[in-house]
Amino acid sequence: MGVRLEKVQYAGWPNCYRLANQTIELIVTGDVGPRIIRFGFIGEENLLKEYAQFVGKTGGDEWRIYGGHRLWHAPEANPRSYVPDNGPIQIEDHTGFVRVIQPVELSTGIQKELDITLSPNTSHVQVTHRLRNTTLWPIKLAVWALSVTAPGGKIIIPLPPAGSHSGNLLPTRRLALWAYTDMADPRWTWGSEYIMLRQDSSIPHSQKVGIYVPQGWVAYVRNNTLLVKRFDVVPGAEYPDFGSNVETYTDADMLEVETLGPLVELAPTATAEHTEHWYLFHDVPTPMNDADVAKYILPKVDETA
């Protein structure tokens, strides 16, 4: 039957848009955004977090997290990053993809767009994130894609390839730590080849790290459902947050799976893009260590190459 786009009501918003094939579905909010508020297998759990206190709300000048997948521009700053997305957005049905367009942010002059392409017969989605500079001056920024995932999951981040002491006299790996990062927190697993962070609703304080991942993938598993994100990497480019192209954040409510494009000096009228490829898999156990990642996660990652 291929891909279907239909207007639906969802989570209290009357104007949402459901994009689905025979296997998976996404729901985009039309009353606020741009946001992908639902992503998952049809008839199964939403892999993305929904905030019950915010879903269905519109209007106002206070930024609301809502949940789901959103688009920001890095580096993070307040108020720049927290421009409210509480108003309606434009949905365009193009041949082969759906375009989601936010009105220009009045305080920044940036316009946000998402192009969403769903495979007709597999669990693959391509999401292209686009920032447009509508001002009269250049703006330095990076495209920042953030998926706010439902509680109880775990992110798997590959470390850059290892080497020997004799062959690598200079550092080859970058890890960004925030002021509140606690490496002794039990939610972390620091392996030889992977970093893992699990969400735990019983632990209230926040954790975050950033890292440069040359492999161009990151994974997240929850209740035996695996999400693999693939993204482009530009070798030698300047990335935000001490050179991070992957970041993760967790608190008592959720865990974020974030990827970033390079920092660019975005000229007036120019656009910057960053594309993620999402793949969903059934029946994948949650890994506890590097060996589990090699056994359960890597075979699925290899299928997306």
Protein backbone atom coordinates (compact mmCIF):
# COMPACT_ATOMS: atom_id res chain seq x y z
CA MET A 1 0.00 0.00 0.00
CA GLY A 2 3.01 2.30 0.25
CA VAL A 3 3.12 5.49 2.32
CA ARG A 4 -0.03 7.23 3.56
CA LEU A 5 -0.39 10.79 4.87
CA GLU A 6 -3.57 11.68 6.73
CA LYS A 7 -4.75 14.45 9.01
CA VAL A 8 -5.58 13.19 12.52
CA GLN A 9 -6.26 14.36 16.04
CA TYR A 10 -3.60 13.35 18.53
CA ALA A 11 -2.84 14.05 22.22
CA GLY A 12 -5.31 16.94 22.33
CA TRP A 13 -4.08 18.65 19.15
CA PRO A 14 -6.77 18.72 16.45
CA ASN A 15 -4.39 19.30 13.53
CA CYS A 16 -1.78 16.55 13.39
CA TYR A 17 -0.49 14.58 10.43
CA ARG A 18 0.16 10.85 10.43
CA LEU A 19 2.72 9.42 8.03
CA ALA A 20 2.68 5.63 7.88
CA ASN A 21 3.51 2.56 5.87
CA GLN A 22 2.58 -1.04 6.70
CA THR A 23 5.07 -1.21 9.58
CA ILE A 24 5.82 2.13 11.27
CA GLU A 25 4.21 5.52 11.78
CA LEU A 26 5.14 9.10 12.64
CA ILE A 27 2.82 11.84 13.85
CA VAL A 28 3.73 15.48 13.24
CA THR A 29 2.01 18.24 15.21
CA GLY A 30 0.41 20.94 13.08
CA ASP A 31 -0.69 23.21 15.92
CA VAL A 32 2.84 23.61 17.35
CA GLY A 33 6.30 22.75 16.17
CA PRO A 34 8.06 21.62 14.14
CA ARG A 35 7.71 18.45 16.21
CA ILE A 36 7.48 14.75 15.49
CA ILE A 37 5.50 13.77 18.57
CA ARG A 38 5.17 10.03 17.85
CA PHE A 39 7.44 7.47 16.21
CA GLY A 40 7.12 3.73 16.51
CA PHE A 41 5.78 0.48 15.17
CA ILE A 42 2.07 0.64 14.36
CA GLY A 43 -0.02 -0.40 17.34
CA GLU A 44 2.95 -0.39 19.71
CA GLU A 45 4.54 2.02 22.17
CA ASN A 46 5.64 5.51 21.23
CA LEU A 47 9.43 5.55 21.34
CA LEU A 48 9.29 9.30 21.98
CA LYS A 49 8.38 10.99 25.25
CA GLU A 50 5.08 12.87 25.58
CA TYR A 51 4.73 15.34 28.45
CA ALA A 52 1.17 14.96 29.75
CA GLN A 53 1.17 18.47 31.22
CA PHE A 54 2.01 20.07 27.87
CA VAL A 55 0.53 17.95 25.08
CA GLY A 56 -2.48 19.56 23.45
CA LYS A 57 -1.50 23.06 24.53
CA THR A 58 -0.92 25.92 22.13
CA GLY A 59 -0.07 29.61 22.27
CA GLY A 60 1.69 31.68 24.87
CA ASP A 61 5.24 32.99 25.08
CA GLU A 62 6.69 30.30 27.38
CA TRP A 63 8.79 27.54 25.81
CA ARG A 64 7.32 24.08 26.45
CA ILE A 65 9.23 20.87 25.96
CA TYR A 66 6.14 18.92 24.71
CA GLY A 67 8.36 15.91 23.95
CA GLY A 68 8.96 14.16 20.65
CA HIS A 69 11.66 15.11 18.16
CA ARG A 70 12.56 18.76 17.63
CA LEU A 71 15.03 20.98 15.78
CA TRP A 72 17.29 23.54 17.46
CA HIS A 73 20.37 25.52 16.54
CA ALA A 74 23.54 25.08 18.58
CA PRO A 75 25.36 26.09 20.68
CA GLU A 76 22.70 26.14 23.37
CA ALA A 77 21.88 29.52 24.89
CA ASN A 78 18.97 31.06 26.71
CA PRO A 79 16.88 32.75 25.35
CA ARG A 80 18.09 31.93 21.82
CA SER A 81 17.58 28.17 22.00
CA TYR A 82 14.30 28.48 23.88
CA VAL A 83 12.25 30.45 21.37
CA PRO A 84 8.71 29.08 21.87
CA ASP A 85 7.31 26.83 19.14
CA ASN A 86 3.74 27.18 20.36
CA GLY A 87 2.11 28.25 17.11
CA PRO A 88 0.88 26.50 13.96
CA ILE A 89 3.27 25.27 11.32
CA GLN A 90 2.88 24.63 7.60
CA ILE A 91 2.69 21.08 6.23
CA GLU A 92 3.48 20.46 2.55
CA ASP A 93 2.89 17.08 0.91
CA HIS A 94 5.58 16.72 -1.76
CA THR A 95 6.24 13.76 -4.02
CA GLY A 96 8.08 11.28 -1.82
CA PHE A 97 8.35 13.42 1.31
CA VAL A 98 6.55 15.76 3.70
CA ARG A 99 7.94 19.22 4.47
CA VAL A 100 7.24 20.86 7.84
CA ILE A 101 7.87 24.63 7.96
CA GLN A 102 7.94 26.86 11.03
CA PRO A 103 7.37 30.62 10.73
CA VAL A 104 10.55 32.66 11.09
CA GLU A 105 11.65 33.04 14.72
CA LEU A 106 11.21 36.76 15.27
CA SER A 107 13.92 37.03 17.91
CA THR A 108 16.60 35.13 15.93
CA GLY A 109 15.64 35.48 12.27
CA ILE A 110 16.05 31.72 11.80
CA GLN A 111 13.46 29.59 10.04
CA LYS A 112 13.25 25.86 10.77
CA GLU A 113 12.17 23.11 8.37
CA LEU A 114 11.95 19.33 8.45
CA ASP A 115 11.77 17.12 5.37
CA ILE A 116 10.45 13.68 6.35
CA THR A 117 10.78 10.76 3.94
CA LEU A 118 9.29 7.41 4.93
CA SER A 119 10.31 4.25 3.13
CA PRO A 120 7.30 2.59 1.45
CA ASN A 121 8.10 -0.88 2.75
CA THR A 122 10.77 -0.80 5.50
CA SER A 123 11.20 0.72 8.97
CA HIS A 124 13.45 3.49 7.64
CA VAL A 125 12.79 7.24 7.91
CA GLN A 126 14.97 10.03 6.59
CA VAL A 127 14.66 13.34 8.47
CA THR A 128 16.44 16.33 6.95
CA HIS A 129 16.75 19.27 9.35
CA ARG A 130 17.14 22.69 7.76
CA LEU A 131 17.89 26.15 9.17
CA ARG A 132 17.49 29.27 7.03
CA ASN A 133 18.99 32.66 7.87
CA THR A 134 16.45 35.37 7.03
CA THR A 135 18.46 38.21 8.60
CA LEU A 136 20.83 40.67 6.91
CA TRP A 137 23.96 39.38 8.65
CA PRO A 138 25.81 36.04 8.99
CA ILE A 139 24.98 33.83 11.97
CA LYS A 140 27.32 31.15 13.32
CA LEU A 141 25.37 28.04 14.26
CA ALA A 142 25.04 24.29 13.91
CA VAL A 143 21.95 22.26 13.08
CA TRP A 144 20.93 20.31 16.16
CA ALA A 145 18.50 17.35 16.05
CA LEU A 146 17.05 16.23 19.39
CA SER A 147 14.91 13.16 20.01
CA VAL A 148 13.29 13.16 23.46
CA THR A 149 12.76 9.46 24.12
CA ALA A 150 10.34 7.75 26.48
CA PRO A 151 11.61 6.75 29.94
CA GLY A 152 13.27 3.42 30.61
CA GLY A 153 15.59 3.25 27.61
CA LYS A 154 19.34 3.21 27.08
CA ILE A 155 21.56 4.98 24.55
CA ILE A 156 24.62 3.30 23.01
CA ILE A 157 27.35 5.61 21.68
CA PRO A 158 30.38 4.14 19.89
CA LEU A 159 33.75 5.47 20.96
CA PRO A 160 36.15 6.52 18.19
CA PRO A 161 38.41 3.66 17.09
CA ALA A 162 41.13 2.70 19.55
CA GLY A 163 44.86 2.59 18.84
CA SER A 164 48.21 1.90 20.46
CA HIS A 165 50.39 4.13 22.61
CA SER A 166 53.29 3.88 20.20
CA GLY A 167 51.17 4.71 17.19
CA ASN A 168 49.18 7.55 18.76
CA LEU A 169 51.26 10.04 20.71
CA LEU A 170 48.58 12.73 20.42
CA PRO A 171 44.96 12.49 21.61
CA THR A 172 42.41 11.13 19.14
CA ARG A 173 39.17 11.20 21.19
CA ARG A 174 37.10 14.11 22.48
CA LEU A 175 34.63 13.94 25.35
CA ALA A 176 32.66 16.99 26.52
CA LEU A 177 31.51 17.07 30.14
CA TRP A 178 28.97 19.54 31.50
CA ALA A 179 29.23 21.14 34.93
CA TYR A 180 26.64 18.67 36.27
CA THR A 181 28.11 15.54 34.63
CA ASP A 182 28.95 12.92 37.26
CA MET A 183 30.96 10.07 35.79
CA ALA A 184 30.30 7.99 38.92
CA ASP A 185 26.52 8.11 38.35
CA PRO A 186 25.24 4.50 38.15
CA ARG A 187 23.31 5.25 34.97
CA TRP A 188 26.57 5.40 33.01
CA THR A 189 28.39 2.41 31.55
CA TRP A 190 31.91 3.35 30.44
CA GLY A 191 33.15 0.55 28.22
CA SER A 192 36.26 0.05 26.13
CA GLU A 193 34.36 0.58 22.87
CA TYR A 194 31.02 2.11 23.88
CA ILE A 195 29.48 4.62 26.25
CA MET A 196 25.99 3.78 27.48
CA LEU A 197 23.55 5.87 29.50
CA ARG A 198 20.26 4.53 30.81
CA GLN A 199 17.23 6.52 31.88
CA ASP A 200 16.11 5.91 35.47
CA SER A 201 13.06 7.77 36.77
CA SER A 202 14.12 7.17 40.38
CA ILE A 203 17.21 9.37 39.94
CA PRO A 204 16.22 13.03 39.58
CA HIS A 205 19.47 14.82 38.75
CA SER A 206 20.57 15.43 35.18
CA GLN A 207 23.46 13.93 33.23
CA LYS A 208 24.94 14.91 29.86
CA VAL A 209 27.96 14.23 27.68
CA GLY A 210 29.03 15.11 24.16
CA ILE A 211 31.44 13.21 21.94
CA TYR A 212 32.74 13.15 18.39
CA VAL A 213 31.61 9.92 16.72
CA PRO A 214 33.35 9.39 13.37
CA GLN A 215 31.37 6.17 12.76
CA GLY A 216 28.23 8.24 12.10
CA TRP A 217 25.75 6.22 14.15
CA VAL A 218 24.15 6.10 17.58
CA ALA A 219 21.57 3.64 18.97
CA TYR A 220 18.81 3.58 21.57
CA VAL A 221 16.94 0.57 22.92
CA ARG A 222 13.80 0.41 25.04
CA ASN A 223 11.61 -2.61 25.81
CA ASN A 224 13.36 -4.68 23.12
CA THR A 225 12.77 -2.03 20.42
CA LEU A 226 15.94 -0.65 18.88
CA LEU A 227 16.35 2.71 17.17
CA VAL A 228 19.49 3.21 15.10
CA LYS A 229 20.27 6.73 13.92
CA ARG A 230 22.75 7.28 11.12
CA PHE A 231 24.03 10.73 10.19
CA ASP A 232 26.65 12.38 8.02
CA VAL A 233 30.05 13.24 9.50
CA VAL A 234 32.27 15.94 8.01
CA PRO A 235 35.91 15.09 8.84
CA GLY A 236 37.93 18.10 9.90
CA ALA A 237 34.88 20.31 10.40
CA GLU A 238 34.36 22.41 13.51
CA TYR A 239 31.58 21.02 15.69
CA PRO A 240 30.00 22.74 18.72
CA ASP A 241 30.51 21.85 22.39
CA PHE A 242 34.21 20.93 22.23
CA GLY A 243 33.78 19.15 18.91
CA SER A 244 30.68 17.03 19.64
CA ASN A 245 28.49 15.57 16.91
CA VAL A 246 26.59 13.29 19.33
CA GLU A 247 25.18 14.32 22.69
CA THR A 248 22.92 12.67 25.22
CA TYR A 249 21.03 14.07 28.18
CA THR A 250 18.86 12.39 30.79
CA ASP A 251 16.81 13.29 33.84
CA ALA A 252 13.95 11.70 35.76
CA ASP A 253 11.54 12.11 32.82
CA MET A 254 13.37 11.12 29.65
CA LEU A 255 16.59 10.58 27.71
CA GLU A 256 17.63 12.60 24.68
CA VAL A 257 19.36 11.15 21.60
CA GLU A 258 20.99 14.15 19.91
CA THR A 259 23.11 14.59 16.80
CA LEU A 260 24.67 17.80 15.47
CA GLY A 261 25.96 19.14 12.20
CA PRO A 262 29.13 21.24 11.84
CA LEU A 263 29.31 24.86 12.91
CA VAL A 264 28.82 27.12 9.90
CA GLU A 265 28.85 30.85 9.25
CA LEU A 266 25.38 30.97 7.74
CA ALA A 267 25.10 33.85 5.29
CA PRO A 268 21.87 35.82 4.76
CA THR A 269 19.28 33.77 2.77
CA ALA A 270 21.51 30.65 3.04
CA THR A 271 20.49 27.32 4.57
CA ALA A 272 22.28 24.65 6.60
CA GLU A 273 21.14 21.02 6.60
CA HIS A 274 21.71 17.96 8.76
CA THR A 275 20.15 14.61 7.87
CA GLU A 276 19.39 11.68 10.15
CA HIS A 277 18.32 8.21 9.02
CA TRP A 278 16.15 6.37 11.55
CA TYR A 279 15.79 2.57 11.57
CA LEU A 280 13.57 0.55 13.92
CA PHE A 281 14.05 -3.09 14.91
CA HIS A 282 12.04 -5.57 16.98
CA ASP A 283 13.30 -8.08 19.56
CA VAL A 284 16.64 -6.53 20.49
CA PRO A 285 17.75 -7.01 24.13
CA THR A 286 19.12 -4.12 26.15
CA PRO A 287 22.92 -4.43 26.25
CA MET A 288 24.75 -4.37 29.59
CA ASN A 289 28.34 -4.26 28.33
CA ASP A 290 30.52 -4.09 25.21
CA ALA A 291 30.05 -7.79 24.48
CA ASP A 292 26.28 -7.39 24.46
CA VAL A 293 26.57 -4.45 22.05
CA ALA A 294 28.67 -6.58 19.71
CA LYS A 295 26.15 -9.43 19.95
CA TYR A 296 22.81 -7.59 19.81
CA ILE A 297 23.33 -4.06 18.47
CA LEU A 298 26.12 -4.19 15.88
CA PRO A 299 24.39 -6.73 13.60
CA LYS A 300 21.43 -4.35 13.33
CA VAL A 301 23.69 -1.35 12.78
CA ASP A 302 25.38 -3.28 9.98
CA GLU A 303 22.00 -3.81 8.33
CA THR A 304 21.61 -0.02 8.02
CA ALA A 305 24.99 0.57 6.33
